[in-house]
């Protein structure tokens, strides 16, 4: 038995390596932007889109009224948030979608520091979707002097992103049909949010429709369209930013 294993050991090693590579590929395979996102990335005569230093920049040709810095959800391509960024830019908010290593914000918590905050239009808010929101809040707690608010899309802060003692405005948007968000952890994390918080619940929305990448594995079915959820998120963001 041992002789056979020793004789064919290299074959076994190759087989195991193949399993690990294939398994890792499927586990880390990111969600791709859908057609709506690809169209938004083109920009038009109203919104300019360009990529600079690991960031996709959406700028309105109209007067700028503020800045949004966005961290994508875990294993979701940054480009999947292009429709939201386009909508915000169309309404005067310079919007920066931040690329993450391996599409995981946990490896790029400080990627926002690539921006020159002295040149950004006030007010400046930072946040993100799911894992992106967690990491964005960590950046905010360490750089309170750089930002005016933090937003969470189907997300919440952890202890390292504790905002309870920070002078920052907070926006939390959730959706009723979201089955990816850990609702128990979300509730427990409320202790890390400050008193100045705006909460929005999207009826019939789900986790995946906070971006534009299709149905996410394990998520609930949405009862509203992607465009409808996108519009509600856009309006909630703009209304909250105007308050700051």
Foldseek 3Di string as FASTA:
>chain_A
DVVVCVVCVVVVVVVVVVCVVVVVCVVLQAFEADPVLVVLQVPDPAWDWDDDDQKIKIAGPDAAAFEEEEEEAARYALSQASVLCSLLRSVRYIYIRGHDVSSACVRVLPSVVVDDLVPGHPQYEYAYEARRRQSPLLNCVVCVVRHAAGEYELYAYDPSSQCQPGNHAYEYEYEDQEQVRPVVVRVVRPNSHHPRYHYHYHYQDYRVLSGRRDDDPRTGHGPDDSVVVSVVVSVSVVVSRVVD
